[in-house]
Amino acid sequence: MPNLCAMAAIIECNCAETKIGPLLVTPEAGVMAMTGPLATITAIKPSNINFGVCKASLNPVVLLGAPKGPCTLVPAGSWIAGAPKVITKQGPALTNDSKLICAYGGQIKVNLGLPTVMSS
């Protein structure tokens, strides 16, 4: 079974210039891990995920002809997958095999070497 993700899990976007960054998690889920709040599949507030500069082809600044623009996450839904048996106040917990699609064309995934919580 995949591991659950908590505050400061390292995430990666295939369209970001810096590629990786920490996932910031707020405590609304009501579950704490050693590194902070447990992440859920609804942990997608744009303020929680920012990679700085975006090179996605559908980014409005790139569409205007610039090679890159600011990273402004526009989720095309919630994280895909998650732990259906680990339910928090905010829904299923986020797992290290989850993916998030950005409407600008990027795909965000949880990177290896992240703070996780073992699940069974």
PDB file of N, CA and C in Angstrom:
ATOM      1  N   MET A   1       0.851  -1.180   0.000  1.00  0.00           N
ATOM      2  CA  MET A   1       0.000   0.000   0.000  1.00  0.00           C
ATOM      3  C   MET A   1       0.895   1.241   0.000  1.00  0.00           C
ATOM      4  N   PRO A   2       0.505   2.266  -0.728  1.00  0.00           N
ATOM      5  CA  PRO A   2       1.288   3.506  -0.764  1.00  0.00           C
ATOM      6  C   PRO A   2       1.323   4.182   0.610  1.00  0.00           C
ATOM      7  N   ASN A   3       2.316   5.034   0.793  1.00  0.00           N
ATOM      8  CA  ASN A   3       2.432   5.797   2.031  1.00  0.00           C
ATOM      9  C   ASN A   3       1.571   7.051   1.971  1.00  0.00           C
ATOM     10  N   LEU A   4       1.113   7.486   3.131  1.00  0.00           N
ATOM     11  CA  LEU A   4       0.350   8.722   3.235  1.00  0.00           C
ATOM     12  C   LEU A   4       1.318   9.895   3.273  1.00  0.00           C
ATOM     13  N   CYS A   5       0.898  11.055   2.775  1.00  0.00           N
ATOM     14  CA  CYS A   5       1.749  12.245   2.734  1.00  0.00           C
ATOM     15  C   CYS A   5       1.319  13.244   3.793  1.00  0.00           C
ATOM     16  N   ALA A   6       2.307  13.915   4.352  1.00  0.00           N
ATOM     17  CA  ALA A   6       2.041  14.923   5.373  1.00  0.00           C
ATOM     18  C   ALA A   6       2.712  16.226   4.971  1.00  0.00           C
ATOM     19  N   MET A   7       2.591  17.234   5.819  1.00  0.00           N
ATOM     20  CA  MET A   7       3.193  18.543   5.614  1.00  0.00           C
ATOM     21  C   MET A   7       4.643  18.408   5.154  1.00  0.00           C
ATOM     22  N   ALA A   8       5.013  19.195   4.174  1.00  0.00           N
ATOM     23  CA  ALA A   8       6.373  19.277   3.622  1.00  0.00           C
ATOM     24  C   ALA A   8       6.746  18.105   2.721  1.00  0.00           C
ATOM     25  N   ALA A   9       5.774  17.298   2.318  1.00  0.00           N
ATOM     26  CA  ALA A   9       6.067  16.279   1.316  1.00  0.00           C
ATOM     27  C   ALA A   9       6.610  17.003   0.081  1.00  0.00           C
ATOM     28  N   ILE A  10       7.546  16.409  -0.591  1.00  0.00           N
ATOM     29  CA  ILE A  10       8.149  17.034  -1.776  1.00  0.00           C
ATOM     30  C   ILE A  10       7.328  16.649  -3.000  1.00  0.00           C
ATOM     31  N   ILE A  11       6.867  17.672  -3.726  1.00  0.00           N
ATOM     32  CA  ILE A  11       6.084  17.442  -4.931  1.00  0.00           C
ATOM     33  C   ILE A  11       6.848  17.978  -6.130  1.00  0.00           C
ATOM     34  N   GLU A  12       6.498  17.499  -7.307  1.00  0.00           N
ATOM     35  CA  GLU A  12       7.222  17.834  -8.533  1.00  0.00           C
ATOM     36  C   GLU A  12       6.230  18.104  -9.659  1.00  0.00           C
ATOM     37  N   CYS A  13       6.497  19.161 -10.449  1.00  0.00           N
ATOM     38  CA  CYS A  13       5.678  19.477 -11.619  1.00  0.00           C
ATOM     39  C   CYS A  13       6.538  19.358 -12.870  1.00  0.00           C
ATOM     40  N   ASN A  14       6.035  18.664 -13.868  1.00  0.00           N
ATOM     41  CA  ASN A  14       6.803  18.479 -15.094  1.00  0.00           C
ATOM     42  C   ASN A  14       6.910  19.748 -15.940  1.00  0.00           C
ATOM     43  N   CYS A  15       6.142  20.795 -15.626  1.00  0.00           N
ATOM     44  CA  CYS A  15       6.198  22.044 -16.394  1.00  0.00           C
ATOM     45  C   CYS A  15       6.834  23.199 -15.621  1.00  0.00           C
ATOM     46  N   ALA A  16       7.302  22.943 -14.425  1.00  0.00           N
ATOM     47  CA  ALA A  16       7.899  24.006 -13.613  1.00  0.00           C
ATOM     48  C   ALA A  16       9.391  24.108 -13.878  1.00  0.00           C
ATOM     49  N   GLU A  17       9.894  25.327 -13.805  1.00  0.00           N
ATOM     50  CA  GLU A  17      11.325  25.528 -14.006  1.00  0.00           C
ATOM     51  C   GLU A  17      12.132  24.952 -12.838  1.00  0.00           C
ATOM     52  N   THR A  18      11.640  25.126 -11.617  1.00  0.00           N
ATOM     53  CA  THR A  18      12.360  24.604 -10.456  1.00  0.00           C
ATOM     54  C   THR A  18      12.046  23.139 -10.190  1.00  0.00           C
ATOM     55  N   LYS A  19      11.029  22.608 -10.789  1.00  0.00           N
ATOM     56  CA  LYS A  19      10.590  21.212 -10.738  1.00  0.00           C
ATOM     57  C   LYS A  19      10.025  20.762  -9.395  1.00  0.00           C
ATOM     58  N   ILE A  20      10.730  20.998  -8.276  1.00  0.00           N
ATOM     59  CA  ILE A  20      10.237  20.457  -7.009  1.00  0.00           C
ATOM     60  C   ILE A  20       9.967  21.554  -5.991  1.00  0.00           C
ATOM     61  N   GLY A  21       9.137  21.220  -5.019  1.00  0.00           N
ATOM     62  CA  GLY A  21       8.828  22.145  -3.942  1.00  0.00           C
ATOM     63  C   GLY A  21       8.064  21.412  -2.851  1.00  0.00           C
ATOM     64  N   PRO A  22       7.932  22.031  -1.682  1.00  0.00           N
ATOM     65  CA  PRO A  22       7.203  21.377  -0.599  1.00  0.00           C
ATOM     66  C   PRO A  22       5.699  21.571  -0.733  1.00  0.00           C
ATOM     67  N   LEU A  23       4.965  20.578  -0.297  1.00  0.00           N
ATOM     68  CA  LEU A  23       3.511  20.695  -0.215  1.00  0.00           C
ATOM     69  C   LEU A  23       3.189  21.273   1.155  1.00  0.00           C
ATOM     70  N   LEU A  24       2.512  22.398   1.173  1.00  0.00           N
ATOM     71  CA  LEU A  24       2.107  23.014   2.431  1.00  0.00           C
ATOM     72  C   LEU A  24       0.697  22.530   2.747  1.00  0.00           C
ATOM     73  N   VAL A  25       0.523  22.026   3.933  1.00  0.00           N
ATOM     74  CA  VAL A  25      -0.758  21.428   4.327  1.00  0.00           C
ATOM     75  C   VAL A  25      -1.314  22.183   5.525  1.00  0.00           C
ATOM     76  N   THR A  26      -2.564  22.565   5.446  1.00  0.00           N
ATOM     77  CA  THR A  26      -3.229  23.225   6.570  1.00  0.00           C
ATOM     78  C   THR A  26      -3.951  22.155   7.409  1.00  0.00           C
ATOM     79  N   PRO A  27      -4.228  22.433   8.669  1.00  0.00           N
ATOM     80  CA  PRO A  27      -4.720  21.382   9.579  1.00  0.00           C
ATOM     81  C   PRO A  27      -6.205  21.027   9.491  1.00  0.00           C
ATOM     82  N   GLU A  28      -6.912  21.461   8.479  1.00  0.00           N
ATOM     83  CA  GLU A  28      -8.350  21.192   8.403  1.00  0.00           C
ATOM     84  C   GLU A  28      -8.712  19.713   8.395  1.00  0.00           C
ATOM     85  N   ALA A  29      -7.813  18.843   7.923  1.00  0.00           N
ATOM     86  CA  ALA A  29      -8.121  17.409   7.853  1.00  0.00           C
ATOM     87  C   ALA A  29      -8.316  16.807   9.242  1.00  0.00           C
ATOM     88  N   GLY A  30      -7.711  17.433  10.259  1.00  0.00           N
ATOM     89  CA  GLY A  30      -7.892  16.959  11.619  1.00  0.00           C
ATOM     90  C   GLY A  30      -6.996  15.807  12.019  1.00  0.00           C
ATOM     91  N   VAL A  31      -5.997  15.473  11.194  1.00  0.00           N
ATOM     92  CA  VAL A  31      -5.077  14.380  11.509  1.00  0.00           C
ATOM     93  C   VAL A  31      -3.655  14.913  11.436  1.00  0.00           C
ATOM     94  N   MET A  32      -2.881  14.652  12.477  1.00  0.00           N
ATOM     95  CA  MET A  32      -1.494  15.128  12.518  1.00  0.00           C
ATOM     96  C   MET A  32      -0.533  13.957  12.379  1.00  0.00           C
ATOM     97  N   ALA A  33       0.583  14.216  11.703  1.00  0.00           N
ATOM     98  CA  ALA A  33       1.684  13.268  11.590  1.00  0.00           C
ATOM     99  C   ALA A  33       2.893  13.911  12.268  1.00  0.00           C
ATOM    100  N   MET A  34       4.017  13.239  12.277  1.00  0.00           N
ATOM    101  CA  MET A  34       5.207  13.786  12.938  1.00  0.00           C
ATOM    102  C   MET A  34       5.677  15.089  12.299  1.00  0.00           C
ATOM    103  N   THR A  35       5.517  15.245  10.992  1.00  0.00           N
ATOM    104  CA  THR A  35       5.981  16.445  10.299  1.00  0.00           C
ATOM    105  C   THR A  35       4.927  17.534  10.189  1.00  0.00           C
ATOM    106  N   GLY A  36       3.712  17.262  10.664  1.00  0.00           N
ATOM    107  CA  GLY A  36       2.641  18.252  10.592  1.00  0.00           C
ATOM    108  C   GLY A  36       1.344  17.609  10.137  1.00  0.00           C
ATOM    109  N   PRO A  37       0.408  18.430   9.655  1.00  0.00           N
ATOM    110  CA  PRO A  37      -0.900  17.902   9.243  1.00  0.00           C
ATOM    111  C   PRO A  37      -0.799  16.891   8.108  1.00  0.00           C
ATOM    112  N   LEU A  38      -1.682  15.921   8.124  1.00  0.00           N
ATOM    113  CA  LEU A  38      -1.785  14.939   7.058  1.00  0.00           C
ATOM    114  C   LEU A  38      -2.409  15.604   5.834  1.00  0.00           C
ATOM    115  N   ALA A  39      -1.899  15.309   4.651  1.00  0.00           N
ATOM    116  CA  ALA A  39      -2.442  15.874   3.414  1.00  0.00           C
ATOM    117  C   ALA A  39      -3.612  15.028   2.926  1.00  0.00           C
ATOM    118  N   THR A  40      -4.554  15.682   2.246  1.00  0.00           N
ATOM    119  CA  THR A  40      -5.697  14.979   1.670  1.00  0.00           C
ATOM    120  C   THR A  40      -5.740  15.232   0.167  1.00  0.00           C
ATOM    121  N   ILE A  41      -6.596  14.488  -0.534  1.00  0.00           N
ATOM    122  CA  ILE A  41      -6.688  14.671  -1.988  1.00  0.00           C
ATOM    123  C   ILE A  41      -7.301  16.022  -2.345  1.00  0.00           C
ATOM    124  N   THR A  42      -7.862  16.723  -1.364  1.00  0.00           N
ATOM    125  CA  THR A  42      -8.406  18.056  -1.615  1.00  0.00           C
ATOM    126  C   THR A  42      -7.410  19.155  -1.232  1.00  0.00           C
ATOM    127  N   ALA A  43      -6.169  18.796  -0.899  1.00  0.00           N
ATOM    128  CA  ALA A  43      -5.133  19.772  -0.523  1.00  0.00           C
ATOM    129  C   ALA A  43      -4.571  20.422  -1.788  1.00  0.00           C
ATOM    130  N   ILE A  44      -5.378  21.266  -2.427  1.00  0.00           N
ATOM    131  CA  ILE A  44      -4.974  21.821  -3.722  1.00  0.00           C
ATOM    132  C   ILE A  44      -5.160  23.324  -3.803  1.00  0.00           C
ATOM    133  N   LYS A  45      -5.166  24.002  -2.680  1.00  0.00           N
ATOM    134  CA  LYS A  45      -5.278  25.456  -2.723  1.00  0.00           C
ATOM    135  C   LYS A  45      -4.062  26.002  -3.463  1.00  0.00           C
ATOM    136  N   PRO A  46      -4.256  26.907  -4.420  1.00  0.00           N
ATOM    137  CA  PRO A  46      -3.098  27.456  -5.139  1.00  0.00           C
ATOM    138  C   PRO A  46      -2.022  28.012  -4.214  1.00  0.00           C
ATOM    139  N   SER A  47      -2.410  28.515  -3.054  1.00  0.00           N
ATOM    140  CA  SER A  47      -1.408  29.037  -2.131  1.00  0.00           C
ATOM    141  C   SER A  47      -0.592  27.925  -1.483  1.00  0.00           C
ATOM    142  N   ASN A  48      -1.054  26.679  -1.552  1.00  0.00           N
ATOM    143  CA  ASN A  48      -0.326  25.549  -0.973  1.00  0.00           C
ATOM    144  C   ASN A  48       0.682  24.946  -1.931  1.00  0.00           C
ATOM    145  N   ILE A  49       0.558  25.259  -3.218  1.00  0.00           N
ATOM    146  CA  ILE A  49       1.436  24.676  -4.229  1.00  0.00           C
ATOM    147  C   ILE A  49       1.930  25.786  -5.142  1.00  0.00           C
ATOM    148  N   ASN A  50       3.236  25.986  -5.181  1.00  0.00           N
ATOM    149  CA  ASN A  50       3.798  27.013  -6.066  1.00  0.00           C
ATOM    150  C   ASN A  50       5.212  26.618  -6.451  1.00  0.00           C
ATOM    151  N   PHE A  51       5.452  26.567  -7.743  1.00  0.00           N
ATOM    152  CA  PHE A  51       6.765  26.193  -8.247  1.00  0.00           C
ATOM    153  C   PHE A  51       7.523  27.382  -8.830  1.00  0.00           C
ATOM    154  N   GLY A  52       7.007  28.590  -8.695  1.00  0.00           N
ATOM    155  CA  GLY A  52       7.711  29.779  -9.170  1.00  0.00           C
ATOM    156  C   GLY A  52       7.434  30.110 -10.620  1.00  0.00           C
ATOM    157  N   VAL A  53       8.103  29.417 -11.542  1.00  0.00           N
ATOM    158  CA  VAL A  53       7.994  29.729 -12.968  1.00  0.00           C
ATOM    159  C   VAL A  53       7.462  28.509 -13.724  1.00  0.00           C
ATOM    160  N   CYS A  54       6.512  28.762 -14.618  1.00  0.00           N
ATOM    161  CA  CYS A  54       5.827  27.704 -15.361  1.00  0.00           C
ATOM    162  C   CYS A  54       6.152  27.796 -16.851  1.00  0.00           C
ATOM    163  N   LYS A  55       6.408  26.632 -17.467  1.00  0.00           N
ATOM    164  CA  LYS A  55       6.674  26.571 -18.903  1.00  0.00           C
ATOM    165  C   LYS A  55       5.570  25.835 -19.660  1.00  0.00           C
ATOM    166  N   ALA A  56       4.435  25.601 -19.005  1.00  0.00           N
ATOM    167  CA  ALA A  56       3.339  24.852 -19.628  1.00  0.00           C
ATOM    168  C   ALA A  56       2.796  25.588 -20.844  1.00  0.00           C
ATOM    169  N   SER A  57       2.480  24.859 -21.877  1.00  0.00           N
ATOM    170  CA  SER A  57       2.031  25.466 -23.128  1.00  0.00           C
ATOM    171  C   SER A  57       0.709  26.203 -23.002  1.00  0.00           C
ATOM    172  N   LEU A  58      -0.128  25.865 -22.019  1.00  0.00           N
ATOM    173  CA  LEU A  58      -1.418  26.526 -21.861  1.00  0.00           C
ATOM    174  C   LEU A  58      -1.401  27.647 -20.818  1.00  0.00           C
ATOM    175  N   ASN A  59      -0.230  27.939 -20.246  1.00  0.00           N
ATOM    176  CA  ASN A  59      -0.113  29.070 -19.325  1.00  0.00           C
ATOM    177  C   ASN A  59      -0.402  30.335 -20.138  1.00  0.00           C
ATOM    178  N   PRO A  60      -1.280  31.221 -19.668  1.00  0.00           N
ATOM    179  CA  PRO A  60      -1.645  32.414 -20.446  1.00  0.00           C
ATOM    180  C   PRO A  60      -0.458  33.272 -20.884  1.00  0.00           C
ATOM    181  N   VAL A  61       0.561  33.385 -20.062  1.00  0.00           N
ATOM    182  CA  VAL A  61       1.740  34.181 -20.424  1.00  0.00           C
ATOM    183  C   VAL A  61       2.512  33.489 -21.545  1.00  0.00           C
ATOM    184  N   VAL A  62       2.612  32.174 -21.508  1.00  0.00           N
ATOM    185  CA  VAL A  62       3.277  31.416 -22.575  1.00  0.00           C
ATOM    186  C   VAL A  62       2.463  31.503 -23.864  1.00  0.00           C
ATOM    187  N   LEU A  63       1.147  31.460 -23.745  1.00  0.00           N
ATOM    188  CA  LEU A  63       0.284  31.595 -24.929  1.00  0.00           C
ATOM    189  C   LEU A  63       0.481  32.946 -25.625  1.00  0.00           C
ATOM    190  N   LEU A  64       0.879  33.972 -24.858  1.00  0.00           N
ATOM    191  CA  LEU A  64       1.126  35.294 -25.442  1.00  0.00           C
ATOM    192  C   LEU A  64       2.502  35.411 -26.084  1.00  0.00           C
ATOM    193  N   GLY A  65       3.294  34.341 -26.018  1.00  0.00           N
ATOM    194  CA  GLY A  65       4.577  34.344 -26.701  1.00  0.00           C
ATOM    195  C   GLY A  65       5.800  34.325 -25.802  1.00  0.00           C
ATOM    196  N   ALA A  66       5.637  34.443 -24.516  1.00  0.00           N
ATOM    197  CA  ALA A  66       6.776  34.384 -23.604  1.00  0.00           C
ATOM    198  C   ALA A  66       7.206  32.926 -23.417  1.00  0.00           C
ATOM    199  N   PRO A  67       8.488  32.679 -23.176  1.00  0.00           N
ATOM    200  CA  PRO A  67       8.925  31.289 -22.977  1.00  0.00           C
ATOM    201  C   PRO A  67       8.431  30.679 -21.668  1.00  0.00           C
ATOM    202  N   LYS A  68       8.117  31.523 -20.687  1.00  0.00           N
ATOM    203  CA  LYS A  68       7.616  31.038 -19.406  1.00  0.00           C
ATOM    204  C   LYS A  68       6.839  32.134 -18.703  1.00  0.00           C
ATOM    205  N   GLY A  69       6.048  31.735 -17.721  1.00  0.00           N
ATOM    206  CA  GLY A  69       5.244  32.682 -16.966  1.00  0.00           C
ATOM    207  C   GLY A  69       5.194  32.274 -15.509  1.00  0.00           C
ATOM    208  N   PRO A  70       4.505  33.044 -14.696  1.00  0.00           N
ATOM    209  CA  PRO A  70       4.412  32.678 -13.276  1.00  0.00           C
ATOM    210  C   PRO A  70       3.592  31.408 -13.078  1.00  0.00           C
ATOM    211  N   CYS A  71       3.982  30.644 -12.075  1.00  0.00           N
ATOM    212  CA  CYS A  71       3.232  29.438 -11.740  1.00  0.00           C
ATOM    213  C   CYS A  71       1.982  29.852 -10.984  1.00  0.00           C
ATOM    214  N   THR A  72       0.847  29.615 -11.587  1.00  0.00           N
ATOM    215  CA  THR A  72      -0.440  29.841 -10.947  1.00  0.00           C
ATOM    216  C   THR A  72      -1.222  28.552 -11.098  1.00  0.00           C
ATOM    217  N   LEU A  73      -1.240  27.750 -10.062  1.00  0.00           N
ATOM    218  CA  LEU A  73      -1.901  26.459 -10.150  1.00  0.00           C
ATOM    219  C   LEU A  73      -3.385  26.626 -10.434  1.00  0.00           C
ATOM    220  N   VAL A  74      -3.853  25.933 -11.464  1.00  0.00           N
ATOM    221  CA  VAL A  74      -5.270  25.889 -11.808  1.00  0.00           C
ATOM    222  C   VAL A  74      -5.632  24.403 -11.860  1.00  0.00           C
ATOM    223  N   PRO A  75      -6.026  23.835 -10.704  1.00  0.00           N
ATOM    224  CA  PRO A  75      -6.302  22.399 -10.679  1.00  0.00           C
ATOM    225  C   PRO A  75      -7.462  22.017 -11.583  1.00  0.00           C
ATOM    226  N   ALA A  76      -7.285  20.903 -12.281  1.00  0.00           N
ATOM    227  CA  ALA A  76      -8.348  20.380 -13.135  1.00  0.00           C
ATOM    228  C   ALA A  76      -9.110  19.298 -12.372  1.00  0.00           C
ATOM    229  N   GLY A  77      -9.247  19.460 -11.071  1.00  0.00           N
ATOM    230  CA  GLY A  77      -9.896  18.491 -10.197  1.00  0.00           C
ATOM    231  C   GLY A  77      -9.065  18.306  -8.947  1.00  0.00           C
ATOM    232  N   SER A  78      -9.359  17.249  -8.206  1.00  0.00           N
ATOM    233  CA  SER A  78      -8.578  16.970  -6.999  1.00  0.00           C
ATOM    234  C   SER A  78      -7.443  16.009  -7.358  1.00  0.00           C
ATOM    235  N   TRP A  79      -6.604  15.714  -6.378  1.00  0.00           N
ATOM    236  CA  TRP A  79      -5.553  14.728  -6.585  1.00  0.00           C
ATOM    237  C   TRP A  79      -6.213  13.409  -6.982  1.00  0.00           C
ATOM    238  N   ILE A  80      -5.602  12.691  -7.909  1.00  0.00           N
ATOM    239  CA  ILE A  80      -6.128  11.406  -8.372  1.00  0.00           C
ATOM    240  C   ILE A  80      -5.491  10.306  -7.544  1.00  0.00           C
ATOM    241  N   ALA A  81      -6.270   9.433  -7.074  1.00  0.00           N
ATOM    242  CA  ALA A  81      -5.914   8.285  -6.225  1.00  0.00           C
ATOM    243  C   ALA A  81      -6.170   8.660  -4.779  1.00  0.00           C
ATOM    244  N   GLY A  82      -5.180   8.559  -3.936  1.00  0.00           N
ATOM    245  CA  GLY A  82      -5.406   8.773  -2.516  1.00  0.00           C
ATOM    246  C   GLY A  82      -5.668   7.448  -1.832  1.00  0.00           C
ATOM    247  N   ALA A  83      -5.928   7.514  -0.539  1.00  0.00           N
ATOM    248  CA  ALA A  83      -6.169   6.309   0.263  1.00  0.00           C
ATOM    249  C   ALA A  83      -7.659   6.230   0.598  1.00  0.00           C
ATOM    250  N   PRO A  84      -8.438   5.464  -0.148  1.00  0.00           N
ATOM    251  CA  PRO A  84      -9.881   5.435   0.082  1.00  0.00           C
ATOM    252  C   PRO A  84     -10.284   4.892   1.452  1.00  0.00           C
ATOM    253  N   LYS A  85      -9.373   4.189   2.125  1.00  0.00           N
ATOM    254  CA  LYS A  85      -9.696   3.645   3.447  1.00  0.00           C
ATOM    255  C   LYS A  85      -9.225   4.545   4.586  1.00  0.00           C
ATOM    256  N   VAL A  86      -8.521   5.633   4.261  1.00  0.00           N
ATOM    257  CA  VAL A  86      -8.056   6.570   5.288  1.00  0.00           C
ATOM    258  C   VAL A  86      -8.798   7.883   5.052  1.00  0.00           C
ATOM    259  N   ILE A  87      -9.905   8.056   5.739  1.00  0.00           N
ATOM    260  CA  ILE A  87     -10.775   9.210   5.526  1.00  0.00           C
ATOM    261  C   ILE A  87     -10.594  10.208   6.663  1.00  0.00           C
ATOM    262  N   THR A  88     -10.398  11.475   6.294  1.00  0.00           N
ATOM    263  CA  THR A  88     -10.252  12.567   7.256  1.00  0.00           C
ATOM    264  C   THR A  88     -11.480  13.471   7.146  1.00  0.00           C
ATOM    265  N   LYS A  89     -11.477  14.553   7.893  1.00  0.00           N
ATOM    266  CA  LYS A  89     -12.561  15.536   7.791  1.00  0.00           C
ATOM    267  C   LYS A  89     -12.642  16.149   6.403  1.00  0.00           C
ATOM    268  N   GLN A  90     -11.526  16.150   5.672  1.00  0.00           N
ATOM    269  CA  GLN A  90     -11.456  16.742   4.338  1.00  0.00           C
ATOM    270  C   GLN A  90     -11.486  15.704   3.218  1.00  0.00           C
ATOM    271  N   GLY A  91     -11.730  14.445   3.542  1.00  0.00           N
ATOM    272  CA  GLY A  91     -11.781  13.405   2.525  1.00  0.00           C
ATOM    273  C   GLY A  91     -10.602  12.460   2.618  1.00  0.00           C
ATOM    274  N   PRO A  92     -10.385  11.628   1.575  1.00  0.00           N
ATOM    275  CA  PRO A  92      -9.302  10.641   1.598  1.00  0.00           C
ATOM    276  C   PRO A  92      -7.919  11.280   1.748  1.00  0.00           C
ATOM    277  N   ALA A  93      -7.042  10.564   2.438  1.00  0.00           N
ATOM    278  CA  ALA A  93      -5.661  11.031   2.616  1.00  0.00           C
ATOM    279  C   ALA A  93      -4.908  10.948   1.292  1.00  0.00           C
ATOM    280  N   LEU A  94      -3.951  11.848   1.124  1.00  0.00           N
ATOM    281  CA  LEU A  94      -3.096  11.878  -0.071  1.00  0.00           C
ATOM    282  C   LEU A  94      -2.003  10.826   0.078  1.00  0.00           C
ATOM    283  N   THR A  95      -1.720  10.103  -0.998  1.00  0.00           N
ATOM    284  CA  THR A  95      -0.677   9.079  -0.975  1.00  0.00           C
ATOM    285  C   THR A  95       0.450   9.441  -1.934  1.00  0.00           C
ATOM    286  N   ASN A  96       1.594   8.787  -1.742  1.00  0.00           N
ATOM    287  CA  ASN A  96       2.765   9.120  -2.547  1.00  0.00           C
ATOM    288  C   ASN A  96       2.661   8.657  -3.999  1.00  0.00           C
ATOM    289  N   ASP A  97       1.582   8.003  -4.384  1.00  0.00           N
ATOM    290  CA  ASP A  97       1.392   7.654  -5.794  1.00  0.00           C
ATOM    291  C   ASP A  97       0.304   8.509  -6.456  1.00  0.00           C
ATOM    292  N   SER A  98      -0.134   9.553  -5.774  1.00  0.00           N
ATOM    293  CA  SER A  98      -1.196  10.430  -6.295  1.00  0.00           C
ATOM    294  C   SER A  98      -0.650  11.401  -7.339  1.00  0.00           C
ATOM    295  N   LYS A  99      -1.544  11.879  -8.193  1.00  0.00           N
ATOM    296  CA  LYS A  99      -1.195  12.855  -9.232  1.00  0.00           C
ATOM    297  C   LYS A  99      -2.247  13.962  -9.245  1.00  0.00           C
ATOM    298  N   LEU A 100      -1.817  15.166  -9.630  1.00  0.00           N
ATOM    299  CA  LEU A 100      -2.720  16.306  -9.766  1.00  0.00           C
ATOM    300  C   LEU A 100      -2.479  16.925 -11.135  1.00  0.00           C
ATOM    301  N   ILE A 101      -3.530  17.119 -11.896  1.00  0.00           N
ATOM    302  CA  ILE A 101      -3.422  17.701 -13.228  1.00  0.00           C
ATOM    303  C   ILE A 101      -3.746  19.191 -13.138  1.00  0.00           C
ATOM    304  N   CYS A 102      -2.897  20.015 -13.750  1.00  0.00           N
ATOM    305  CA  CYS A 102      -3.119  21.456 -13.818  1.00  0.00           C
ATOM    306  C   CYS A 102      -3.781  21.762 -15.168  1.00  0.00           C
ATOM    307  N   ALA A 103      -4.736  22.670 -15.168  1.00  0.00           N
ATOM    308  CA  ALA A 103      -5.436  23.036 -16.406  1.00  0.00           C
ATOM    309  C   ALA A 103      -4.495  23.665 -17.434  1.00  0.00           C
ATOM    310  N   TYR A 104      -3.313  24.126 -17.010  1.00  0.00           N
ATOM    311  CA  TYR A 104      -2.345  24.699 -17.950  1.00  0.00           C
ATOM    312  C   TYR A 104      -1.506  23.625 -18.639  1.00  0.00           C
ATOM    313  N   GLY A 105      -1.683  22.360 -18.238  1.00  0.00           N
ATOM    314  CA  GLY A 105      -0.980  21.271 -18.911  1.00  0.00           C
ATOM    315  C   GLY A 105       0.047  20.550 -18.069  1.00  0.00           C
ATOM    316  N   GLY A 106       0.298  21.002 -16.886  1.00  0.00           N
ATOM    317  CA  GLY A 106       1.281  20.347 -16.032  1.00  0.00           C
ATOM    318  C   GLY A 106       0.693  19.164 -15.285  1.00  0.00           C
ATOM    319  N   GLN A 107       1.580  18.265 -14.879  1.00  0.00           N
ATOM    320  CA  GLN A 107       1.194  17.141 -14.043  1.00  0.00           C
ATOM    321  C   GLN A 107       2.065  17.164 -12.800  1.00  0.00           C
ATOM    322  N   ILE A 108       1.427  17.195 -11.641  1.00  0.00           N
ATOM    323  CA  ILE A 108       2.133  17.269 -10.377  1.00  0.00           C
ATOM    324  C   ILE A 108       2.055  15.899  -9.720  1.00  0.00           C
ATOM    325  N   LYS A 109       3.195  15.444  -9.224  1.00  0.00           N
ATOM    326  CA  LYS A 109       3.237  14.159  -8.534  1.00  0.00           C
ATOM    327  C   LYS A 109       4.033  14.313  -7.250  1.00  0.00           C
ATOM    328  N   VAL A 110       3.863  13.362  -6.368  1.00  0.00           N
ATOM    329  CA  VAL A 110       4.630  13.344  -5.135  1.00  0.00           C
ATOM    330  C   VAL A 110       5.971  12.711  -5.452  1.00  0.00           C
ATOM    331  N   ASN A 111       7.040  13.395  -5.061  1.00  0.00           N
ATOM    332  CA  ASN A 111       8.397  12.935  -5.326  1.00  0.00           C
ATOM    333  C   ASN A 111       8.833  11.953  -4.236  1.00  0.00           C
ATOM    334  N   LEU A 112       9.850  11.180  -4.498  1.00  0.00           N
ATOM    335  CA  LEU A 112      10.383  10.258  -3.501  1.00  0.00           C
ATOM    336  C   LEU A 112      11.134  11.028  -2.403  1.00  0.00           C
ATOM    337  N   GLY A 113      11.364  10.395  -1.311  1.00  0.00           N
ATOM    338  CA  GLY A 113      12.104  11.008  -0.223  1.00  0.00           C
ATOM    339  C   GLY A 113      11.286  12.036   0.545  1.00  0.00           C
ATOM    340  N   LEU A 114      10.005  11.796   0.705  1.00  0.00           N
ATOM    341  CA  LEU A 114       9.113  12.770   1.331  1.00  0.00           C
ATOM    342  C   LEU A 114       8.720  12.347   2.737  1.00  0.00           C
ATOM    343  N   PRO A 115       8.276  13.296   3.557  1.00  0.00           N
ATOM    344  CA  PRO A 115       7.736  12.905   4.852  1.00  0.00           C
ATOM    345  C   PRO A 115       6.445  12.119   4.633  1.00  0.00           C
ATOM    346  N   THR A 116       6.405  10.918   5.096  1.00  0.00           N
ATOM    347  CA  THR A 116       5.227  10.080   4.902  1.00  0.00           C
ATOM    348  C   THR A 116       4.798   9.437   6.209  1.00  0.00           C
ATOM    349  N   VAL A 117       3.643   8.878   6.189  1.00  0.00           N
ATOM    350  CA  VAL A 117       3.093   8.126   7.308  1.00  0.00           C
ATOM    351  C   VAL A 117       2.799   6.738   6.760  1.00  0.00           C
ATOM    352  N   MET A 118       3.286   5.719   7.406  1.00  0.00           N
ATOM    353  CA  MET A 118       3.039   4.353   6.937  1.00  0.00           C
ATOM    354  C   MET A 118       1.563   4.022   7.138  1.00  0.00           C
ATOM    355  N   SER A 119       0.988   3.395   6.130  1.00  0.00           N
ATOM    356  CA  SER A 119      -0.413   2.974   6.237  1.00  0.00           C
ATOM    357  C   SER A 119      -0.491   1.483   6.010  1.00  0.00           C
ATOM    358  N   SER A 120      -1.554   0.880   6.463  1.00  0.00           N
ATOM    359  CA  SER A 120      -1.703  -0.561   6.250  1.00  0.00           C
ATOM    360  C   SER A 120      -3.133  -0.897   5.884  1.00  0.00           C
TER     361      SER A 120
END
